[in-house]
Protein backbone atom coordinates (compact mmCIF):
# COMPACT_ATOMS: atom_id res chain seq x y z
CA UNK A 1 0.00 0.00 0.00
CA UNK A 2 2.80 2.42 0.91
CA UNK A 3 4.59 1.72 -2.38
CA UNK A 4 1.43 2.59 -4.34
CA UNK A 5 1.14 5.96 -2.56
CA UNK A 6 4.78 6.76 -3.23
CA UNK A 7 4.37 5.82 -6.89
CA UNK A 8 1.21 7.94 -7.18
CA UNK A 9 2.94 10.97 -5.63
CA UNK A 10 5.91 10.59 -7.99
CA UNK A 11 3.67 10.30 -11.05
CA UNK A 12 1.60 13.35 -10.07
CA UNK A 13 4.79 15.34 -9.43
CA UNK A 14 6.21 14.36 -12.81
CA UNK A 15 2.96 15.39 -14.47
CA UNK A 16 3.11 18.84 -12.87
CA UNK A 17 6.67 19.36 -14.07
CA UNK A 18 5.63 18.56 -17.64
CA UNK A 19 2.40 20.61 -17.49
CA UNK A 20 3.86 23.88 -16.16
CA UNK A 21 5.23 26.06 -18.98
CA UNK A 22 8.64 27.69 -18.58
CA UNK A 23 9.19 31.41 -18.27
CA UNK A 24 9.93 33.48 -21.36
CA UNK A 25 13.63 33.83 -22.06
CA UNK A 26 13.59 37.41 -23.33
CA UNK A 27 11.50 40.53 -23.25
CA UNK A 28 9.65 41.36 -26.42
CA UNK A 29 10.66 44.55 -28.16
CA UNK A 30 13.87 46.51 -27.94
CA UNK A 31 15.91 48.99 -25.97
CA UNK A 32 17.14 52.02 -27.89
CA UNK A 33 20.14 53.75 -26.32
CA UNK A 34 21.69 57.08 -27.24
CA UNK A 35 24.32 56.83 -29.96
CA UNK A 36 22.35 54.33 -32.02
CA UNK A 37 22.83 51.25 -29.80
CA UNK A 38 19.79 48.99 -30.22
CA UNK A 39 19.19 45.74 -28.31
CA UNK A 40 16.49 43.50 -29.84
CA UNK A 41 14.50 41.27 -27.46
CA UNK A 42 16.93 41.97 -24.60
CA UNK A 43 17.33 39.84 -21.51
CA UNK A 44 19.51 40.11 -18.42
CA UNK A 45 22.00 42.93 -18.06
CA UNK A 46 22.80 45.26 -20.97
CA UNK A 47 25.76 47.65 -20.73
CA UNK A 48 25.34 51.02 -22.41
CA UNK A 49 28.10 52.15 -24.75
CA UNK A 50 27.70 55.88 -23.99
CA UNK A 51 27.28 58.02 -20.90
CA UNK A 52 25.05 59.71 -19.84
CA UNK A 53 22.75 56.76 -20.37
CA UNK A 54 19.75 57.54 -22.54
CA UNK A 55 17.34 54.65 -23.05
CA UNK A 56 13.96 54.34 -24.74
CA UNK A 57 12.17 51.25 -23.43
CA UNK A 58 10.28 49.65 -26.30
CA UNK A 59 9.93 46.31 -24.46
CA UNK A 60 6.94 44.88 -22.63
CA UNK A 61 8.77 44.98 -19.26
CA UNK A 62 9.94 47.58 -16.76
CA UNK A 63 13.73 47.95 -16.92
CA UNK A 64 16.09 49.04 -14.14
CA UNK A 65 19.02 51.45 -14.67
CA UNK A 66 22.13 50.83 -12.54
CA UNK A 67 24.96 53.13 -11.55
CA UNK A 68 27.69 50.65 -12.51
CA UNK A 69 28.50 48.38 -15.41
CA UNK A 70 27.16 44.81 -15.34
CA UNK A 71 24.09 45.96 -13.35
CA UNK A 72 26.10 46.63 -10.21
CA UNK A 73 25.85 49.51 -7.77
CA UNK A 74 22.85 51.65 -6.92
CA UNK A 75 19.54 51.57 -8.77
CA UNK A 76 19.16 54.99 -10.37
CA UNK A 77 15.97 54.70 -12.38
CA UNK A 78 13.13 52.40 -13.39
CA UNK A 79 11.86 52.89 -16.94
CA UNK A 80 8.33 51.79 -17.79
CA UNK A 81 7.41 50.24 -21.14
CA UNK A 82 7.07 53.03 -23.71
CA UNK A 83 9.02 55.59 -21.65
CA UNK A 84 12.40 57.25 -22.21
CA UNK A 85 14.90 58.18 -19.50
CA UNK A 86 18.22 59.99 -19.40
CA UNK A 87 20.30 59.03 -16.38
CA UNK A 88 23.52 61.02 -15.93
CA UNK A 89 25.46 58.37 -14.01
CA UNK A 90 23.80 55.23 -15.41
CA UNK A 91 25.93 52.61 -17.14
CA UNK A 92 23.75 49.48 -17.45
CA UNK A 93 20.15 48.29 -17.68
CA UNK A 94 18.60 45.13 -16.21
CA UNK A 95 15.79 43.50 -18.17
CA UNK A 96 13.76 40.76 -16.42
C-alpha atoms as a PDB file:
ATOM      1  CA  UNK A   1       0.000   0.000   0.000  1.00  0.00           C
ATOM      2  CA  UNK A   2       2.802   2.415   0.911  1.00  0.00           C
ATOM      3  CA  UNK A   3       4.594   1.723  -2.383  1.00  0.00           C
ATOM      4  CA  UNK A   4       1.431   2.595  -4.344  1.00  0.00           C
ATOM      5  CA  UNK A   5       1.142   5.956  -2.563  1.00  0.00           C
ATOM      6  CA  UNK A   6       4.782   6.765  -3.233  1.00  0.00           C
ATOM      7  CA  UNK A   7       4.372   5.821  -6.892  1.00  0.00           C
ATOM      8  CA  UNK A   8       1.206   7.943  -7.177  1.00  0.00           C
ATOM      9  CA  UNK A   9       2.943  10.973  -5.630  1.00  0.00           C
ATOM     10  CA  UNK A  10       5.908  10.589  -7.986  1.00  0.00           C
ATOM     11  CA  UNK A  11       3.671  10.304 -11.053  1.00  0.00           C
ATOM     12  CA  UNK A  12       1.602  13.353 -10.073  1.00  0.00           C
ATOM     13  CA  UNK A  13       4.790  15.344  -9.426  1.00  0.00           C
ATOM     14  CA  UNK A  14       6.211  14.357 -12.807  1.00  0.00           C
ATOM     15  CA  UNK A  15       2.957  15.393 -14.467  1.00  0.00           C
ATOM     16  CA  UNK A  16       3.114  18.839 -12.874  1.00  0.00           C
ATOM     17  CA  UNK A  17       6.670  19.361 -14.070  1.00  0.00           C
ATOM     18  CA  UNK A  18       5.628  18.556 -17.637  1.00  0.00           C
ATOM     19  CA  UNK A  19       2.402  20.611 -17.492  1.00  0.00           C
ATOM     20  CA  UNK A  20       3.855  23.883 -16.159  1.00  0.00           C
ATOM     21  CA  UNK A  21       5.227  26.061 -18.977  1.00  0.00           C
ATOM     22  CA  UNK A  22       8.635  27.691 -18.580  1.00  0.00           C
ATOM     23  CA  UNK A  23       9.190  31.414 -18.270  1.00  0.00           C
ATOM     24  CA  UNK A  24       9.932  33.482 -21.360  1.00  0.00           C
ATOM     25  CA  UNK A  25      13.633  33.831 -22.059  1.00  0.00           C
ATOM     26  CA  UNK A  26      13.588  37.406 -23.331  1.00  0.00           C
ATOM     27  CA  UNK A  27      11.502  40.532 -23.254  1.00  0.00           C
ATOM     28  CA  UNK A  28       9.652  41.360 -26.418  1.00  0.00           C
ATOM     29  CA  UNK A  29      10.661  44.551 -28.158  1.00  0.00           C
ATOM     30  CA  UNK A  30      13.866  46.512 -27.943  1.00  0.00           C
ATOM     31  CA  UNK A  31      15.906  48.995 -25.967  1.00  0.00           C
ATOM     32  CA  UNK A  32      17.136  52.024 -27.891  1.00  0.00           C
ATOM     33  CA  UNK A  33      20.144  53.746 -26.324  1.00  0.00           C
ATOM     34  CA  UNK A  34      21.693  57.081 -27.241  1.00  0.00           C
ATOM     35  CA  UNK A  35      24.321  56.832 -29.959  1.00  0.00           C
ATOM     36  CA  UNK A  36      22.347  54.326 -32.016  1.00  0.00           C
ATOM     37  CA  UNK A  37      22.833  51.254 -29.800  1.00  0.00           C
ATOM     38  CA  UNK A  38      19.790  48.995 -30.216  1.00  0.00           C
ATOM     39  CA  UNK A  39      19.195  45.745 -28.313  1.00  0.00           C
ATOM     40  CA  UNK A  40      16.487  43.502 -29.843  1.00  0.00           C
ATOM     41  CA  UNK A  41      14.496  41.266 -27.456  1.00  0.00           C
ATOM     42  CA  UNK A  42      16.933  41.969 -24.604  1.00  0.00           C
ATOM     43  CA  UNK A  43      17.326  39.844 -21.512  1.00  0.00           C
ATOM     44  CA  UNK A  44      19.514  40.111 -18.423  1.00  0.00           C
ATOM     45  CA  UNK A  45      22.000  42.935 -18.062  1.00  0.00           C
ATOM     46  CA  UNK A  46      22.803  45.258 -20.974  1.00  0.00           C
ATOM     47  CA  UNK A  47      25.759  47.646 -20.734  1.00  0.00           C
ATOM     48  CA  UNK A  48      25.337  51.022 -22.411  1.00  0.00           C
ATOM     49  CA  UNK A  49      28.096  52.150 -24.745  1.00  0.00           C
ATOM     50  CA  UNK A  50      27.700  55.877 -23.987  1.00  0.00           C
ATOM     51  CA  UNK A  51      27.277  58.024 -20.902  1.00  0.00           C
ATOM     52  CA  UNK A  52      25.051  59.710 -19.843  1.00  0.00           C
ATOM     53  CA  UNK A  53      22.747  56.763 -20.366  1.00  0.00           C
ATOM     54  CA  UNK A  54      19.746  57.541 -22.536  1.00  0.00           C
ATOM     55  CA  UNK A  55      17.337  54.653 -23.049  1.00  0.00           C
ATOM     56  CA  UNK A  56      13.960  54.339 -24.741  1.00  0.00           C
ATOM     57  CA  UNK A  57      12.174  51.250 -23.430  1.00  0.00           C
ATOM     58  CA  UNK A  58      10.277  49.647 -26.302  1.00  0.00           C
ATOM     59  CA  UNK A  59       9.926  46.312 -24.460  1.00  0.00           C
ATOM     60  CA  UNK A  60       6.936  44.877 -22.625  1.00  0.00           C
ATOM     61  CA  UNK A  61       8.767  44.979 -19.262  1.00  0.00           C
ATOM     62  CA  UNK A  62       9.943  47.581 -16.755  1.00  0.00           C
ATOM     63  CA  UNK A  63      13.731  47.946 -16.921  1.00  0.00           C
ATOM     64  CA  UNK A  64      16.089  49.041 -14.139  1.00  0.00           C
ATOM     65  CA  UNK A  65      19.016  51.449 -14.668  1.00  0.00           C
ATOM     66  CA  UNK A  66      22.127  50.829 -12.539  1.00  0.00           C
ATOM     67  CA  UNK A  67      24.959  53.130 -11.550  1.00  0.00           C
ATOM     68  CA  UNK A  68      27.687  50.650 -12.512  1.00  0.00           C
ATOM     69  CA  UNK A  69      28.500  48.382 -15.414  1.00  0.00           C
ATOM     70  CA  UNK A  70      27.157  44.814 -15.337  1.00  0.00           C
ATOM     71  CA  UNK A  71      24.091  45.962 -13.353  1.00  0.00           C
ATOM     72  CA  UNK A  72      26.100  46.629 -10.208  1.00  0.00           C
ATOM     73  CA  UNK A  73      25.845  49.514  -7.774  1.00  0.00           C
ATOM     74  CA  UNK A  74      22.848  51.653  -6.920  1.00  0.00           C
ATOM     75  CA  UNK A  75      19.539  51.572  -8.765  1.00  0.00           C
ATOM     76  CA  UNK A  76      19.163  54.991 -10.374  1.00  0.00           C
ATOM     77  CA  UNK A  77      15.972  54.696 -12.381  1.00  0.00           C
ATOM     78  CA  UNK A  78      13.127  52.405 -13.391  1.00  0.00           C
ATOM     79  CA  UNK A  79      11.861  52.893 -16.939  1.00  0.00           C
ATOM     80  CA  UNK A  80       8.326  51.793 -17.793  1.00  0.00           C
ATOM     81  CA  UNK A  81       7.408  50.236 -21.138  1.00  0.00           C
ATOM     82  CA  UNK A  82       7.074  53.034 -23.712  1.00  0.00           C
ATOM     83  CA  UNK A  83       9.025  55.587 -21.650  1.00  0.00           C
ATOM     84  CA  UNK A  84      12.398  57.250 -22.209  1.00  0.00           C
ATOM     85  CA  UNK A  85      14.896  58.184 -19.504  1.00  0.00           C
ATOM     86  CA  UNK A  86      18.221  59.989 -19.399  1.00  0.00           C
ATOM     87  CA  UNK A  87      20.303  59.034 -16.378  1.00  0.00           C
ATOM     88  CA  UNK A  88      23.517  61.017 -15.935  1.00  0.00           C
ATOM     89  CA  UNK A  89      25.457  58.372 -14.011  1.00  0.00           C
ATOM     90  CA  UNK A  90      23.800  55.226 -15.407  1.00  0.00           C
ATOM     91  CA  UNK A  91      25.933  52.607 -17.138  1.00  0.00           C
ATOM     92  CA  UNK A  92      23.751  49.485 -17.446  1.00  0.00           C
ATOM     93  CA  UNK A  93      20.148  48.293 -17.677  1.00  0.00           C
ATOM     94  CA  UNK A  94      18.603  45.127 -16.210  1.00  0.00           C
ATOM     95  CA  UNK A  95      15.792  43.498 -18.170  1.00  0.00           C
ATOM     96  CA  UNK A  96      13.764  40.760 -16.423  1.00  0.00           C
END
